Amino acid sequence: MFTIECLHEQGWRSEMSFQTEFKAFLHARTKCMATGRTYRVIDRESVVACLVTLDSCRQHFGAR
């Protein structure tokens, strides 16, 4: 199980969980692009699998 967390002023807040890291990453990236917030995907042991920032999304898609 992989959980998406969003960075808020008070810290990281859990939002959704997925069976695969890939699905969690896709949803985190989509949410990041929609909200402009930073997201991360963590596994069951709370190890960070990936960090998704607006800058990384823009680089990936070639946006400015």
Foldseek 3Di string as FASTA:
>chain_A
DKWKWWQDPVGTDTDDDDPDPVVNVVVQQVVCCVPQTKMFIADPVRDTPDIHGPVVSCVVVVHD
